[in-house]
Amino acid sequence: MKAIRMIGAVLAALPLVALAQQPVSFKADIRPVLDDYCLSCHVPGGKGYEKSKLDLSSYQSLMKGTQFGPVVKPGDSQNSTLNMLIEGRADPSISMPYGIKGSLSPDKVRLFKRWVDQGAKDN
């Protein structure tokens, strides 16, 4: 009986493992979220850009980061500033996206985490 429960638990976890292994696409998955939640502030002339110089209009400018340095550490979502901000692990006054109550939905937060952990590729 114990072996059957163990097999059941392993089988139940397989879809989660498969999902975590699927590549996250910058163009198809990340770019639309940036466009919907971040681009109004983080482009030249926007409030977010004026404060930090973070331009989210392209992959290259995202990877360049802010006047303070890079915000994405490919392969390391735990220490990437972008992830800290959207996960609410930074000071609440600078949590992102700014102006929405709470934060991004948990599925979007996980998507960014997986993208960074997979190397933050321009794919």
Protein backbone atom coordinates (compact mmCIF):
# COMPACT_ATOMS: atom_id res chain seq x y z
CA MET A 1 0.00 0.00 0.00
CA LYS A 2 2.85 2.37 0.86
CA ALA A 3 4.46 1.73 -2.54
CA ILE A 4 1.19 2.53 -4.32
CA ARG A 5 0.91 5.86 -2.49
CA MET A 6 4.50 6.68 -3.38
CA ILE A 7 3.91 5.86 -7.06
CA GLY A 8 0.75 7.98 -6.99
CA ALA A 9 2.64 10.94 -5.51
CA VAL A 10 5.37 10.64 -8.14
CA LEU A 11 2.82 10.45 -10.95
CA ALA A 12 0.92 13.45 -9.59
CA ALA A 13 4.12 15.52 -9.57
CA LEU A 14 5.09 14.68 -13.16
CA PRO A 15 3.02 17.43 -14.79
CA LEU A 16 4.70 20.02 -12.52
CA VAL A 17 8.15 18.70 -13.40
CA ALA A 18 7.30 18.75 -17.10
CA LEU A 19 6.01 22.32 -16.82
CA ALA A 20 9.18 23.46 -15.05
CA GLN A 21 11.27 21.94 -17.84
CA GLN A 22 9.39 23.61 -20.70
CA PRO A 23 11.42 26.51 -22.07
CA VAL A 24 10.00 29.95 -21.36
CA SER A 25 10.11 32.21 -24.40
CA PHE A 26 11.01 35.86 -23.98
CA LYS A 27 9.03 36.84 -27.07
CA ALA A 28 5.94 34.70 -26.44
CA ASP A 29 5.78 34.61 -22.62
CA ILE A 30 7.78 37.44 -21.01
CA ARG A 31 7.45 40.26 -23.55
CA PRO A 32 3.61 40.35 -23.37
CA VAL A 33 3.70 40.69 -19.56
CA LEU A 34 6.25 43.49 -19.78
CA ASP A 35 4.10 45.21 -22.41
CA ASP A 36 0.93 44.91 -20.31
CA TYR A 37 2.30 45.80 -16.87
CA CYS A 38 5.64 47.60 -17.17
CA LEU A 39 6.10 49.44 -20.44
CA SER A 40 3.95 52.44 -19.58
CA CYS A 41 6.54 53.49 -16.96
CA HIS A 42 9.79 51.87 -18.10
CA VAL A 43 10.49 53.60 -21.41
CA PRO A 44 12.30 56.91 -21.96
CA GLY A 45 9.98 59.61 -20.64
CA GLY A 46 8.18 57.26 -18.23
CA LYS A 47 8.30 57.67 -14.46
CA GLY A 48 10.07 54.36 -13.89
CA TYR A 49 12.67 55.14 -16.52
CA GLU A 50 13.30 58.61 -15.09
CA LYS A 51 13.93 57.17 -11.61
CA SER A 52 16.03 54.16 -12.53
CA LYS A 53 16.89 54.41 -16.24
CA LEU A 54 15.39 50.93 -16.71
CA ASP A 55 14.11 50.71 -20.27
CA LEU A 56 11.95 47.65 -20.92
CA SER A 57 11.27 48.34 -24.59
CA SER A 58 13.68 45.62 -25.76
CA TYR A 59 15.44 42.51 -24.54
CA GLN A 60 18.79 44.30 -24.86
CA SER A 61 17.72 47.25 -22.73
CA LEU A 62 16.21 44.94 -20.09
CA MET A 63 19.46 43.03 -19.87
CA LYS A 64 21.44 46.30 -19.68
CA GLY A 65 19.53 47.10 -16.49
CA THR A 66 19.37 50.37 -14.60
CA GLN A 67 21.73 53.19 -13.76
CA PHE A 68 22.53 51.07 -10.70
CA GLY A 69 23.42 47.92 -12.64
CA PRO A 70 21.85 44.80 -14.15
CA VAL A 71 18.42 43.66 -12.92
CA VAL A 72 18.59 40.14 -14.35
CA LYS A 73 21.18 37.54 -13.38
CA PRO A 74 20.65 34.76 -15.94
CA GLY A 75 20.30 31.43 -14.15
CA ASP A 76 19.78 33.04 -10.73
CA SER A 77 16.24 34.27 -10.06
CA GLN A 78 16.88 34.28 -6.31
CA ASN A 79 19.41 37.10 -6.69
CA SER A 80 17.96 38.92 -9.71
CA THR A 81 16.60 42.33 -8.81
CA LEU A 82 13.78 41.94 -11.33
CA ASN A 83 12.52 38.83 -9.54
CA MET A 84 12.91 40.41 -6.11
CA LEU A 85 10.78 43.35 -7.21
CA ILE A 86 7.97 41.38 -8.83
CA GLU A 87 7.95 38.73 -6.07
CA GLY A 88 7.59 41.36 -3.34
CA ARG A 89 10.97 40.55 -1.78
CA ALA A 90 12.07 44.20 -1.92
CA ASP A 91 10.94 47.22 0.05
CA PRO A 92 7.19 47.64 -0.55
CA SER A 93 7.76 51.19 -1.81
CA ILE A 94 9.57 49.81 -4.86
CA SER A 95 7.65 46.59 -5.48
CA MET A 96 6.65 46.15 -9.09
CA PRO A 97 4.57 46.60 -11.06
CA TYR A 98 4.07 49.97 -9.43
CA GLY A 99 0.52 51.16 -9.02
CA ILE A 100 -1.29 47.82 -9.01
CA LYS A 101 -2.65 46.49 -5.75
CA GLY A 102 -0.67 43.45 -4.73
CA SER A 103 1.60 42.09 -7.40
CA LEU A 104 1.57 40.09 -10.59
CA SER A 105 -0.45 36.91 -10.50
CA PRO A 106 1.44 33.93 -9.06
CA ASP A 107 1.55 32.23 -12.48
CA LYS A 108 3.23 35.29 -14.04
CA VAL A 109 5.71 35.51 -11.15
CA ARG A 110 6.57 31.81 -11.63
CA LEU A 111 6.97 32.42 -15.37
CA PHE A 112 9.58 35.13 -14.78
CA LYS A 113 11.35 32.93 -12.22
CA ARG A 114 11.54 30.04 -14.70
CA TRP A 115 12.70 32.34 -17.51
CA VAL A 116 15.56 33.75 -15.41
CA ASP A 117 16.49 30.32 -14.04
CA GLN A 118 16.56 28.96 -17.60
CA GLY A 119 19.16 31.59 -18.50
CA ALA A 120 16.98 34.61 -19.40
CA LYS A 121 17.37 33.88 -23.11
CA ASP A 122 16.28 36.12 -25.98
CA ASN A 123 14.12 33.43 -27.55
